[in-house]
Amino acid sequence: MKKLLLIIVLFTFILFLNNFQKNNINIEYKTINYDQDSQEIKDIKKIDDLINLVSEKVKTSCVALFCKHRGSLINNTGSGSGVIIKKDKQDYYVVTNKHVVYNETTTLCDDIIIYYEGLEFKAEVVKCDDTIDLALVKFNSDINFNVCSLSEELNNGSYIICVSSPYDAKQYFNTISVGNISNTDRTFSEEINGVKVENHYFQHTASINVGSSGGGIFDLDGSLIGLNDWMVTNKNKDIERMGFGISTTLIKQAFKEYL
């Protein structure tokens, strides 16, 4: 009798285990093998090599801008960043932010200089957009500068490479930072020239500092997908990496007659 009872208990337990395995999902956690020859490390190195390769390519189309506003007492000079998006014979067209060439005033800067690795070129504003923070600047040179390719594709989570010249533009010319797209469409109500507008930006995590305005934001194919514009800050300084860019789609719309 005891043997029969034991057999019944064992049989019931086996049925229970079998049913449990069928109705439960097995979750496998993948770990990285830190052996230098592992496939995981090789894949990471490939991404690192790709970012390095693309960075070296795209920074050749990125410049810094010095904008002087001649006042009655002192000459105020500000700086920003920009990207070459078109060449027409010996004229190069650089896209940047409108507030860069306005030097945080309500009037256009008197003198604009394009800077590239020790070279300086006098520039002029071709057009400023009335609804979003964009400006197109032109300079002339017989030097063969690289013109970046443009892409309108934005995807949440995608890697991005930002090139800008923050703080001291000559000292920190073409600083590279890497991040990702946090959200492809953030809408903000803004007042520009006394008119209320709804503007669209994409949010990203790459570094933005003073002078980064107008810096190029590129995908891993080396195409320009947008420009740095502004970041969220507060007095407590407890907000980090909440930057916002203007998409290439909006750049094309603003300057379609020149592209």
Foldseek 3Di string as FASTA:
>chain_A
DVVVVVVVVVVVVVVVVVVVVVPDDDDDDDDDDPPCPDPVVVVVVVVVVLLVVLLVVQLLQKWKKWFWADDPPDIDIAMAIWGFADDDQQKTKTKFFQCRQCVVDPDGGPWMWIDDQHDIWTKDWPDAFQAGGMTMIMTGDPDDTDHAAADQDADAFAKKKWFWQADPNNVRPGPIWIWTWHAAWDWDWDAGPNDTDIDTWTWIQTDDHRRQGHIFIAGSVNHTFWGWHDADADPVRPDHRGTITDGPVVVCVRPVVPD
